[in-house]
């Protein structure tokens, strides 16, 4: 099963189909990064992309630290 989520960026609507189990998580995250009821400019998209990559970087760093502790 899939669910469709939509977002306006640069005055264009983009719809994506995602797994139904993933949809609530993604919708919550998108609502933190974007104006879900209106238009988002490209700067907002870039800021969200950078923010998510920083979160990924920090998660990977923590995972590496935990793996080093486990190996010792």
PDB file of N, CA and C in Angstrom:
ATOM      1  N   UNK A   1       0.831  -1.176   0.000  1.00  0.00           N
ATOM      2  CA  UNK A   1       0.000   0.000   0.000  1.00  0.00           C
ATOM      3  C   UNK A   1       0.880   1.247   0.000  1.00  0.00           C
ATOM      4  N   UNK A   2       0.434   2.290  -0.646  1.00  0.00           N
ATOM      5  CA  UNK A   2       1.194   3.530  -0.646  1.00  0.00           C
ATOM      6  C   UNK A   2       0.268   4.697  -0.327  1.00  0.00           C
ATOM      7  N   UNK A   3       0.898   5.800   0.045  1.00  0.00           N
ATOM      8  CA  UNK A   3       0.171   7.021   0.346  1.00  0.00           C
ATOM      9  C   UNK A   3       0.841   8.148  -0.411  1.00  0.00           C
ATOM     10  N   UNK A   4       0.037   9.082  -0.906  1.00  0.00           N
ATOM     11  CA  UNK A   4       0.558  10.212  -1.670  1.00  0.00           C
ATOM     12  C   UNK A   4       0.697  11.423  -0.748  1.00  0.00           C
ATOM     13  N   UNK A   5       1.879  12.042  -0.768  1.00  0.00           N
ATOM     14  CA  UNK A   5       2.136  13.281  -0.036  1.00  0.00           C
ATOM     15  C   UNK A   5       2.475  14.360  -1.050  1.00  0.00           C
ATOM     16  N   UNK A   6       1.999  15.586  -0.794  1.00  0.00           N
ATOM     17  CA  UNK A   6       2.240  16.677  -1.730  1.00  0.00           C
ATOM     18  C   UNK A   6       2.905  17.866  -1.072  1.00  0.00           C
ATOM     19  N   UNK A   7       3.637  18.617  -1.889  1.00  0.00           N
ATOM     20  CA  UNK A   7       4.368  19.778  -1.407  1.00  0.00           C
ATOM     21  C   UNK A   7       4.521  20.763  -2.555  1.00  0.00           C
ATOM     22  N   UNK A   8       4.377  22.063  -2.263  1.00  0.00           N
ATOM     23  CA  UNK A   8       4.585  23.111  -3.265  1.00  0.00           C
ATOM     24  C   UNK A   8       5.991  23.697  -3.092  1.00  0.00           C
ATOM     25  N   UNK A   9       6.758  23.634  -4.170  1.00  0.00           N
ATOM     26  CA  UNK A   9       8.107  24.210  -4.190  1.00  0.00           C
ATOM     27  C   UNK A   9       8.242  25.020  -5.471  1.00  0.00           C
ATOM     28  N   UNK A  10       8.632  26.272  -5.306  1.00  0.00           N
ATOM     29  CA  UNK A  10       8.801  27.138  -6.473  1.00  0.00           C
ATOM     30  C   UNK A  10       7.523  27.259  -7.285  1.00  0.00           C
ATOM     31  N   UNK A  11       6.396  27.342  -6.591  1.00  0.00           N
ATOM     32  CA  UNK A  11       5.071  27.475  -7.207  1.00  0.00           C
ATOM     33  C   UNK A  11       4.645  26.261  -8.032  1.00  0.00           C
ATOM     34  N   UNK A  12       5.300  25.134  -7.834  1.00  0.00           N
ATOM     35  CA  UNK A  12       4.914  23.883  -8.500  1.00  0.00           C
ATOM     36  C   UNK A  12       4.580  22.854  -7.431  1.00  0.00           C
ATOM     37  N   UNK A  13       3.566  22.063  -7.693  1.00  0.00           N
ATOM     38  CA  UNK A  13       3.179  21.019  -6.749  1.00  0.00           C
ATOM     39  C   UNK A  13       3.899  19.728  -7.118  1.00  0.00           C
ATOM     40  N   UNK A  14       4.461  19.094  -6.111  1.00  0.00           N
ATOM     41  CA  UNK A  14       5.120  17.807  -6.271  1.00  0.00           C
ATOM     42  C   UNK A  14       4.415  16.798  -5.375  1.00  0.00           C
ATOM     43  N   UNK A  15       3.995  15.698  -5.952  1.00  0.00           N
ATOM     44  CA  UNK A  15       3.376  14.611  -5.213  1.00  0.00           C
ATOM     45  C   UNK A  15       4.302  13.409  -5.255  1.00  0.00           C
ATOM     46  N   UNK A  16       4.445  12.758  -4.123  1.00  0.00           N
ATOM     47  CA  UNK A  16       5.266  11.558  -4.040  1.00  0.00           C
ATOM     48  C   UNK A  16       4.446  10.449  -3.405  1.00  0.00           C
ATOM     49  N   UNK A  17       4.647   9.236  -3.896  1.00  0.00           N
ATOM     50  CA  UNK A  17       4.028   8.063  -3.311  1.00  0.00           C
ATOM     51  C   UNK A  17       5.055   7.383  -2.416  1.00  0.00           C
ATOM     52  N   UNK A  18       4.671   7.143  -1.168  1.00  0.00           N
ATOM     53  CA  UNK A  18       5.558   6.469  -0.220  1.00  0.00           C
ATOM     54  C   UNK A  18       4.801   5.326   0.446  1.00  0.00           C
ATOM     55  N   UNK A  19       5.537   4.411   1.009  1.00  0.00           N
ATOM     56  CA  UNK A  19       4.925   3.301   1.729  1.00  0.00           C
ATOM     57  C   UNK A  19       4.046   3.834   2.848  1.00  0.00           C
ATOM     58  N   UNK A  20       2.923   3.217   3.043  1.00  0.00           N
ATOM     59  CA  UNK A  20       1.966   3.682   4.043  1.00  0.00           C
ATOM     60  C   UNK A  20       2.562   3.695   5.452  1.00  0.00           C
ATOM     61  N   UNK A  21       3.429   2.743   5.763  1.00  0.00           N
ATOM     62  CA  UNK A  21       4.040   2.701   7.098  1.00  0.00           C
ATOM     63  C   UNK A  21       5.048   3.831   7.302  1.00  0.00           C
ATOM     64  N   UNK A  22       5.645   4.317   6.211  1.00  0.00           N
ATOM     65  CA  UNK A  22       6.634   5.384   6.262  1.00  0.00           C
ATOM     66  C   UNK A  22       5.983   6.768   6.212  1.00  0.00           C
ATOM     67  N   UNK A  23       4.789   6.854   5.663  1.00  0.00           N
ATOM     68  CA  UNK A  23       4.114   8.129   5.417  1.00  0.00           C
ATOM     69  C   UNK A  23       3.947   9.001   6.665  1.00  0.00           C
ATOM     70  N   UNK A  24       3.492   8.473   7.814  1.00  0.00           N
ATOM     71  CA  UNK A  24       3.334   9.353   8.980  1.00  0.00           C
ATOM     72  C   UNK A  24       4.653   9.983   9.433  1.00  0.00           C
ATOM     73  N   UNK A  25       5.729   9.204   9.403  1.00  0.00           N
ATOM     74  CA  UNK A  25       7.042   9.728   9.788  1.00  0.00           C
ATOM     75  C   UNK A  25       7.468  10.831   8.829  1.00  0.00           C
ATOM     76  N   UNK A  26       7.370  10.568   7.524  1.00  0.00           N
ATOM     77  CA  UNK A  26       7.793  11.554   6.531  1.00  0.00           C
ATOM     78  C   UNK A  26       6.932  12.806   6.608  1.00  0.00           C
ATOM     79  N   UNK A  27       5.644  12.634   6.777  1.00  0.00           N
ATOM     80  CA  UNK A  27       4.745  13.781   6.865  1.00  0.00           C
ATOM     81  C   UNK A  27       5.100  14.664   8.067  1.00  0.00           C
ATOM     82  N   UNK A  28       5.425  14.032   9.185  1.00  0.00           N
ATOM     83  CA  UNK A  28       5.821  14.789  10.378  1.00  0.00           C
ATOM     84  C   UNK A  28       7.128  15.549  10.123  1.00  0.00           C
ATOM     85  N   UNK A  29       8.106  14.872   9.532  1.00  0.00           N
ATOM     86  CA  UNK A  29       9.382  15.511   9.248  1.00  0.00           C
ATOM     87  C   UNK A  29       9.218  16.654   8.242  1.00  0.00           C
ATOM     88  N   UNK A  30       8.417  16.438   7.214  1.00  0.00           N
ATOM     89  CA  UNK A  30       8.189  17.478   6.212  1.00  0.00           C
ATOM     90  C   UNK A  30       7.508  18.693   6.832  1.00  0.00           C
ATOM     91  N   UNK A  31       6.592  18.450   7.764  1.00  0.00           N
ATOM     92  CA  UNK A  31       5.900  19.584   8.394  1.00  0.00           C
ATOM     93  C   UNK A  31       6.842  20.416   9.254  1.00  0.00           C
ATOM     94  N   UNK A  32       7.944  19.817   9.724  1.00  0.00           N
ATOM     95  CA  UNK A  32       8.946  20.567  10.479  1.00  0.00           C
ATOM     96  C   UNK A  32       9.829  21.404   9.553  1.00  0.00           C
ATOM     97  N   UNK A  33      10.011  20.951   8.316  1.00  0.00           N
ATOM     98  CA  UNK A  33      10.922  21.613   7.388  1.00  0.00           C
ATOM     99  C   UNK A  33      10.239  22.547   6.395  1.00  0.00           C
ATOM    100  N   UNK A  34       8.965  22.301   6.103  1.00  0.00           N
ATOM    101  CA  UNK A  34       8.301  23.024   5.025  1.00  0.00           C
ATOM    102  C   UNK A  34       6.956  23.585   5.467  1.00  0.00           C
ATOM    103  N   UNK A  35       6.493  24.589   4.713  1.00  0.00           N
ATOM    104  CA  UNK A  35       5.131  25.094   4.846  1.00  0.00           C
ATOM    105  C   UNK A  35       4.254  24.140   4.037  1.00  0.00           C
ATOM    106  N   UNK A  36       3.516  23.284   4.710  1.00  0.00           N
ATOM    107  CA  UNK A  36       2.737  22.255   4.030  1.00  0.00           C
ATOM    108  C   UNK A  36       1.477  22.822   3.373  1.00  0.00           C
ATOM    109  N   UNK A  37       1.053  24.017   3.768  1.00  0.00           N
ATOM    110  CA  UNK A  37      -0.171  24.604   3.225  1.00  0.00           C
ATOM    111  C   UNK A  37       0.078  25.643   2.139  1.00  0.00           C
ATOM    112  N   UNK A  38       1.333  26.035   1.952  1.00  0.00           N
ATOM    113  CA  UNK A  38       1.633  27.085   0.984  1.00  0.00           C
ATOM    114  C   UNK A  38       2.860  26.750   0.168  1.00  0.00           C
ATOM    115  N   UNK A  39       3.396  27.755  -0.472  1.00  0.00           N
ATOM    116  CA  UNK A  39       4.551  27.587  -1.338  1.00  0.00           C
ATOM    117  C   UNK A  39       5.853  27.664  -0.539  1.00  0.00           C
ATOM    118  N   UNK A  40       6.836  26.923  -0.979  1.00  0.00           N
ATOM    119  CA  UNK A  40       8.182  26.951  -0.410  1.00  0.00           C
ATOM    120  C   UNK A  40       9.139  27.336  -1.526  1.00  0.00           C
ATOM    121  N   UNK A  41      10.045  28.269  -1.240  1.00  0.00           N
ATOM    122  CA  UNK A  41      11.002  28.620  -2.281  1.00  0.00           C
ATOM    123  C   UNK A  41      12.186  27.655  -2.238  1.00  0.00           C
ATOM    124  N   UNK A  42      13.043  27.769  -3.216  1.00  0.00           N
ATOM    125  CA  UNK A  42      14.170  26.847  -3.327  1.00  0.00           C
ATOM    126  C   UNK A  42      15.139  26.958  -2.155  1.00  0.00           C
ATOM    127  N   UNK A  43      15.246  28.146  -1.564  1.00  0.00           N
ATOM    128  CA  UNK A  43      16.126  28.327  -0.412  1.00  0.00           C
ATOM    129  C   UNK A  43      15.672  27.435   0.746  1.00  0.00           C
ATOM    130  N   UNK A  44      14.371  27.329   0.962  1.00  0.00           N
ATOM    131  CA  UNK A  44      13.827  26.475   2.020  1.00  0.00           C
ATOM    132  C   UNK A  44      14.172  25.017   1.738  1.00  0.00           C
ATOM    133  N   UNK A  45      14.056  24.610   0.487  1.00  0.00           N
ATOM    134  CA  UNK A  45      14.407  23.242   0.106  1.00  0.00           C
ATOM    135  C   UNK A  45      15.883  22.957   0.374  1.00  0.00           C
ATOM    136  N   UNK A  46      16.748  23.882   0.002  1.00  0.00           N
ATOM    137  CA  UNK A  46      18.180  23.712   0.239  1.00  0.00           C
ATOM    138  C   UNK A  46      18.487  23.642   1.728  1.00  0.00           C
ATOM    139  N   UNK A  47      17.857  24.498   2.528  1.00  0.00           N
ATOM    140  CA  UNK A  47      18.080  24.472   3.972  1.00  0.00           C
ATOM    141  C   UNK A  47      17.640  23.138   4.571  1.00  0.00           C
ATOM    142  N   UNK A  48      16.509  22.619   4.135  1.00  0.00           N
ATOM    143  CA  UNK A  48      16.029  21.329   4.630  1.00  0.00           C
ATOM    144  C   UNK A  48      16.993  20.209   4.242  1.00  0.00           C
ATOM    145  N   UNK A  49      17.495  20.246   3.016  1.00  0.00           N
ATOM    146  CA  UNK A  49      18.444  19.243   2.546  1.00  0.00           C
ATOM    147  C   UNK A  49      19.721  19.257   3.394  1.00  0.00           C
ATOM    148  N   UNK A  50      20.243  20.435   3.644  1.00  0.00           N
ATOM    149  CA  UNK A  50      21.459  20.557   4.448  1.00  0.00           C
ATOM    150  C   UNK A  50      21.205  20.097   5.875  1.00  0.00           C
ATOM    151  N   UNK A  51      20.066  20.480   6.454  1.00  0.00           N
ATOM    152  CA  UNK A  51      19.722  20.080   7.822  1.00  0.00           C
ATOM    153  C   UNK A  51      19.628  18.559   7.939  1.00  0.00           C
ATOM    154  N   UNK A  52      18.989  17.909   6.984  1.00  0.00           N
ATOM    155  CA  UNK A  52      18.844  16.454   7.019  1.00  0.00           C
ATOM    156  C   UNK A  52      20.190  15.760   6.836  1.00  0.00           C
ATOM    157  N   UNK A  53      21.052  16.321   6.006  1.00  0.00           N
ATOM    158  CA  UNK A  53      22.373  15.727   5.837  1.00  0.00           C
ATOM    159  C   UNK A  53      23.223  15.895   7.087  1.00  0.00           C
ATOM    160  N   UNK A  54      23.049  17.002   7.802  1.00  0.00           N
ATOM    161  CA  UNK A  54      23.761  17.180   9.062  1.00  0.00           C
ATOM    162  C   UNK A  54      23.275  16.140  10.081  1.00  0.00           C
ATOM    163  N   UNK A  55      21.972  15.902  10.128  1.00  0.00           N
ATOM    164  CA  UNK A  55      21.434  14.882  11.029  1.00  0.00           C
ATOM    165  C   UNK A  55      22.007  13.508  10.684  1.00  0.00           C
ATOM    166  N   UNK A  56      22.076  13.183   9.402  1.00  0.00           N
ATOM    167  CA  UNK A  56      22.640  11.914   8.959  1.00  0.00           C
ATOM    168  C   UNK A  56      24.110  11.809   9.344  1.00  0.00           C
ATOM    169  N   UNK A  57      24.858  12.871   9.164  1.00  0.00           N
ATOM    170  CA  UNK A  57      26.272  12.898   9.530  1.00  0.00           C
ATOM    171  C   UNK A  57      26.452  12.606  11.021  1.00  0.00           C
ATOM    172  N   UNK A  58      25.641  13.263  11.860  1.00  0.00           N
ATOM    173  CA  UNK A  58      25.748  13.061  13.307  1.00  0.00           C
ATOM    174  C   UNK A  58      25.341  11.646  13.705  1.00  0.00           C
ATOM    175  N   UNK A  59      24.334  11.094  13.048  1.00  0.00           N
ATOM    176  CA  UNK A  59      23.924   9.716  13.330  1.00  0.00           C
ATOM    177  C   UNK A  59      25.032   8.735  12.969  1.00  0.00           C
ATOM    178  N   UNK A  60      25.621   8.915  11.816  1.00  0.00           N
ATOM    179  CA  UNK A  60      26.702   8.022  11.386  1.00  0.00           C
ATOM    180  C   UNK A  60      27.903   8.140  12.320  1.00  0.00           C
ATOM    181  N   UNK A  61      28.186   9.344  12.776  1.00  0.00           N
ATOM    182  CA  UNK A  61      29.289   9.552  13.717  1.00  0.00           C
ATOM    183  C   UNK A  61      29.019   8.794  15.020  1.00  0.00           C
ATOM    184  N   UNK A  62      27.783   8.871  15.537  1.00  0.00           N
ATOM    185  CA  UNK A  62      27.427   8.158  16.759  1.00  0.00           C
ATOM    186  C   UNK A  62      27.511   6.650  16.564  1.00  0.00           C
ATOM    187  N   UNK A  63      27.038   6.175  15.425  1.00  0.00           N
ATOM    188  CA  UNK A  63      27.088   4.737  15.139  1.00  0.00           C
ATOM    189  C   UNK A  63      28.526   4.263  15.118  1.00  0.00           C
ATOM    190  N   UNK A  64      29.406   5.030  14.490  1.00  0.00           N
ATOM    191  CA  UNK A  64      30.829   4.673  14.434  1.00  0.00           C
ATOM    192  C   UNK A  64      31.427   4.620  15.836  1.00  0.00           C
ATOM    193  N   UNK A  65      31.084   5.599  16.685  1.00  0.00           N
ATOM    194  CA  UNK A  65      31.580   5.611  18.060  1.00  0.00           C
ATOM    195  C   UNK A  65      31.083   4.391  18.832  1.00  0.00           C
ATOM    196  N   UNK A  66      29.835   4.039  18.661  1.00  0.00           N
ATOM    197  CA  UNK A  66      29.269   2.877  19.355  1.00  0.00           C
ATOM    198  C   UNK A  66      29.932   1.591  18.869  1.00  0.00           C
ATOM    199  N   UNK A  67      30.148   1.476  17.569  1.00  0.00           N
ATOM    200  CA  UNK A  67      30.807   0.287  17.029  1.00  0.00           C
ATOM    201  C   UNK A  67      32.234   0.147  17.546  1.00  0.00           C
ATOM    202  N   UNK A  68      32.931   1.261  17.689  1.00  0.00           N
ATOM    203  CA  UNK A  68      34.299   1.224  18.244  1.00  0.00           C
ATOM    204  C   UNK A  68      34.276   0.726  19.683  1.00  0.00           C
ATOM    205  N   UNK A  69      33.280   1.172  20.470  1.00  0.00           N
ATOM    206  CA  UNK A  69      33.166   0.715  21.854  1.00  0.00           C
ATOM    207  C   UNK A  69      32.866  -0.778  21.927  1.00  0.00           C
ATOM    208  N   UNK A  70      32.029  -1.235  21.032  1.00  0.00           N
ATOM    209  CA  UNK A  70      31.663  -2.664  21.010  1.00  0.00           C
ATOM    210  C   UNK A  70      32.874  -3.517  20.641  1.00  0.00           C
ATOM    211  N   UNK A  71      33.682  -3.050  19.711  1.00  0.00           N
ATOM    212  CA  UNK A  71      34.860  -3.807  19.251  1.00  0.00           C
ATOM    213  C   UNK A  71      35.934  -3.902  20.322  1.00  0.00           C
ATOM    214  N   UNK A  72      35.946  -2.982  21.262  1.00  0.00           N
ATOM    215  CA  UNK A  72      36.997  -2.988  22.307  1.00  0.00           C
ATOM    216  C   UNK A  72      36.666  -3.911  23.419  1.00  0.00           C
TER     217      UNK A  72
END
